[in-house]
Amino acid sequence: MKYTRFEASIPAGNFRFGVFVRYGKLGTMCLAIPGKIIRLEEPGTGLVDYLGNEVKTNFMLLPQAKVGDWVIVHAGFAISAMDEKEARKTLRLFQELAKAAR
């Protein structure tokens, strides 16, 4: 299956963090962007840094999360954790895709 359009919203200062791929009649698929936890608050919330933008996030699904961890957030909830090496690799790939889409 081929995508018909690629959209990237990665630059710092832009509050649209997703990378989207449009597949013909199937619609749009959002690809998750890794973010780094910069602050935890009570009860189960905190802030995640996405390329310089701070986003309020719910950590109820990842109670073991701590400041400095890298996470994937969907619909305001941290849904999975990842190691820093993989997060940085993923961010580099998304930035290359965004550059190629211009």
C-alpha atoms as a PDB file:
ATOM      1  CA  MET A   1       0.000   0.000   0.000  1.00  0.00           C
ATOM      2  CA  LYS A   2       1.374   3.429  -0.898  1.00  0.00           C
ATOM      3  CA  TYR A   3       0.896   6.601   1.067  1.00  0.00           C
ATOM      4  CA  THR A   4      -0.437   9.541  -0.828  1.00  0.00           C
ATOM      5  CA  ARG A   5       0.780  12.340   1.399  1.00  0.00           C
ATOM      6  CA  PHE A   6       3.261  12.825   4.202  1.00  0.00           C
ATOM      7  CA  GLU A   7       2.844  15.581   6.796  1.00  0.00           C
ATOM      8  CA  ALA A   8       5.319  16.401   9.559  1.00  0.00           C
ATOM      9  CA  SER A   9       4.799  18.712  12.494  1.00  0.00           C
ATOM     10  CA  ILE A  10       8.089  18.386  14.308  1.00  0.00           C
ATOM     11  CA  PRO A  11       9.760  21.834  14.659  1.00  0.00           C
ATOM     12  CA  ALA A  12      10.087  23.238  18.189  1.00  0.00           C
ATOM     13  CA  GLY A  13       7.504  25.886  18.867  1.00  0.00           C
ATOM     14  CA  ASN A  14       4.841  24.038  16.876  1.00  0.00           C
ATOM     15  CA  PHE A  15       2.200  22.468  19.114  1.00  0.00           C
ATOM     16  CA  ARG A  16       1.360  19.760  16.568  1.00  0.00           C
ATOM     17  CA  PHE A  17       3.860  17.059  17.519  1.00  0.00           C
ATOM     18  CA  GLY A  18       2.650  14.192  15.370  1.00  0.00           C
ATOM     19  CA  VAL A  19       3.912  12.801  12.146  1.00  0.00           C
ATOM     20  CA  PHE A  20       1.029  11.837   9.900  1.00  0.00           C
ATOM     21  CA  VAL A  21       0.844   9.539   6.911  1.00  0.00           C
ATOM     22  CA  ARG A  22      -2.224   9.644   4.654  1.00  0.00           C
ATOM     23  CA  TYR A  23      -3.240   6.367   3.035  1.00  0.00           C
ATOM     24  CA  GLY A  24      -5.714   6.966   0.224  1.00  0.00           C
ATOM     25  CA  LYS A  25      -9.221   6.026   1.392  1.00  0.00           C
ATOM     26  CA  LEU A  26      -8.002   4.627   4.707  1.00  0.00           C
ATOM     27  CA  GLY A  27      -7.473   8.061   6.232  1.00  0.00           C
ATOM     28  CA  THR A  28      -4.671   9.314   8.444  1.00  0.00           C
ATOM     29  CA  MET A  29      -2.336   7.423  10.741  1.00  0.00           C
ATOM     30  CA  CYS A  30      -0.465   9.269  13.511  1.00  0.00           C
ATOM     31  CA  LEU A  31       3.035   8.073  14.398  1.00  0.00           C
ATOM     32  CA  ALA A  32       4.072   8.632  18.023  1.00  0.00           C
ATOM     33  CA  ILE A  33       6.917  10.994  18.888  1.00  0.00           C
ATOM     34  CA  PRO A  34       9.112  10.230  21.932  1.00  0.00           C
ATOM     35  CA  GLY A  35       9.107  12.809  24.721  1.00  0.00           C
ATOM     36  CA  LYS A  36      11.173  13.178  27.889  1.00  0.00           C
ATOM     37  CA  ILE A  37       9.546  13.464  31.327  1.00  0.00           C
ATOM     38  CA  ILE A  38      10.662  16.730  32.909  1.00  0.00           C
ATOM     39  CA  ARG A  39       8.348  16.913  35.930  1.00  0.00           C
ATOM     40  CA  LEU A  40       5.991  14.629  37.851  1.00  0.00           C
ATOM     41  CA  GLU A  41       3.043  16.043  39.769  1.00  0.00           C
ATOM     42  CA  GLU A  42       0.261  14.601  41.888  1.00  0.00           C
ATOM     43  CA  PRO A  43      -1.933  12.706  41.234  1.00  0.00           C
ATOM     44  CA  GLY A  44      -0.244  10.810  38.377  1.00  0.00           C
ATOM     45  CA  THR A  45       0.341  13.751  36.061  1.00  0.00           C
ATOM     46  CA  GLY A  46       3.347  15.728  34.917  1.00  0.00           C
ATOM     47  CA  LEU A  47       5.086  17.383  31.998  1.00  0.00           C
ATOM     48  CA  VAL A  48       6.761  15.841  28.967  1.00  0.00           C
ATOM     49  CA  ASP A  49       9.188  17.793  26.785  1.00  0.00           C
ATOM     50  CA  TYR A  50       8.576  17.423  23.049  1.00  0.00           C
ATOM     51  CA  LEU A  51      11.411  19.202  21.260  1.00  0.00           C
ATOM     52  CA  GLY A  52      11.240  22.160  23.632  1.00  0.00           C
ATOM     53  CA  ASN A  53       7.458  22.186  24.129  1.00  0.00           C
ATOM     54  CA  GLU A  54       6.055  21.156  27.521  1.00  0.00           C
ATOM     55  CA  VAL A  55       2.894  19.059  27.400  1.00  0.00           C
ATOM     56  CA  LYS A  56       0.775  18.035  30.391  1.00  0.00           C
ATOM     57  CA  THR A  57       0.600  14.237  30.485  1.00  0.00           C
ATOM     58  CA  ASN A  58      -1.210  11.598  32.549  1.00  0.00           C
ATOM     59  CA  PHE A  59       1.085   8.839  33.889  1.00  0.00           C
ATOM     60  CA  MET A  60      -1.583   6.577  35.450  1.00  0.00           C
ATOM     61  CA  LEU A  61      -0.788   3.846  32.891  1.00  0.00           C
ATOM     62  CA  LEU A  62       2.956   4.036  33.698  1.00  0.00           C
ATOM     63  CA  PRO A  63       3.110   4.379  37.496  1.00  0.00           C
ATOM     64  CA  GLN A  64       6.844   3.498  37.474  1.00  0.00           C
ATOM     65  CA  ALA A  65       7.669   6.531  35.290  1.00  0.00           C
ATOM     66  CA  LYS A  66      10.247   8.948  36.664  1.00  0.00           C
ATOM     67  CA  VAL A  67      11.798  12.262  35.648  1.00  0.00           C
ATOM     68  CA  GLY A  68      14.277  11.724  32.811  1.00  0.00           C
ATOM     69  CA  ASP A  69      12.441   8.723  31.315  1.00  0.00           C
ATOM     70  CA  TRP A  70      11.425   8.784  27.650  1.00  0.00           C
ATOM     71  CA  VAL A  71       7.801   7.946  26.858  1.00  0.00           C
ATOM     72  CA  ILE A  72       5.288   7.684  24.057  1.00  0.00           C
ATOM     73  CA  VAL A  73       2.108   9.686  24.716  1.00  0.00           C
ATOM     74  CA  HIS A  74      -1.254   9.085  23.054  1.00  0.00           C
ATOM     75  CA  ALA A  75      -4.322  11.241  23.728  1.00  0.00           C
ATOM     76  CA  GLY A  76      -2.641  12.785  26.777  1.00  0.00           C
ATOM     77  CA  PHE A  77      -1.641   9.460  28.385  1.00  0.00           C
ATOM     78  CA  ALA A  78       1.901   8.072  28.587  1.00  0.00           C
ATOM     79  CA  ILE A  79       1.327   4.581  27.141  1.00  0.00           C
ATOM     80  CA  SER A  80       4.858   3.162  26.932  1.00  0.00           C
ATOM     81  CA  ALA A  81       8.424   3.870  27.977  1.00  0.00           C
ATOM     82  CA  MET A  82      11.537   3.617  25.838  1.00  0.00           C
ATOM     83  CA  ASP A  83      15.264   3.926  26.443  1.00  0.00           C
ATOM     84  CA  GLU A  84      17.058   7.162  25.598  1.00  0.00           C
ATOM     85  CA  LYS A  85      19.133   5.654  22.783  1.00  0.00           C
ATOM     86  CA  GLU A  86      16.032   4.418  20.954  1.00  0.00           C
ATOM     87  CA  ALA A  87      14.174   7.693  21.596  1.00  0.00           C
ATOM     88  CA  ARG A  88      16.985   9.806  20.125  1.00  0.00           C
ATOM     89  CA  LYS A  89      17.299   7.467  17.134  1.00  0.00           C
ATOM     90  CA  THR A  90      13.552   7.750  16.505  1.00  0.00           C
ATOM     91  CA  LEU A  91      13.661  11.566  16.755  1.00  0.00           C
ATOM     92  CA  ARG A  92      16.528  11.699  14.244  1.00  0.00           C
ATOM     93  CA  LEU A  93      14.559   9.551  11.794  1.00  0.00           C
ATOM     94  CA  PHE A  94      11.447  11.743  12.122  1.00  0.00           C
ATOM     95  CA  GLN A  95      13.528  14.879  11.586  1.00  0.00           C
ATOM     96  CA  GLU A  96      15.026  13.340   8.424  1.00  0.00           C
ATOM     97  CA  LEU A  97      11.507  12.485   7.182  1.00  0.00           C
ATOM     98  CA  ALA A  98      10.308  16.023   7.898  1.00  0.00           C
ATOM     99  CA  LYS A  99      13.278  17.487   6.033  1.00  0.00           C
ATOM    100  CA  ALA A 100      12.634  15.215   3.044  1.00  0.00           C
ATOM    101  CA  ALA A 101       8.942  16.202   2.971  1.00  0.00           C
ATOM    102  CA  ARG A 102       9.690  19.923   2.484  1.00  0.00           C
END
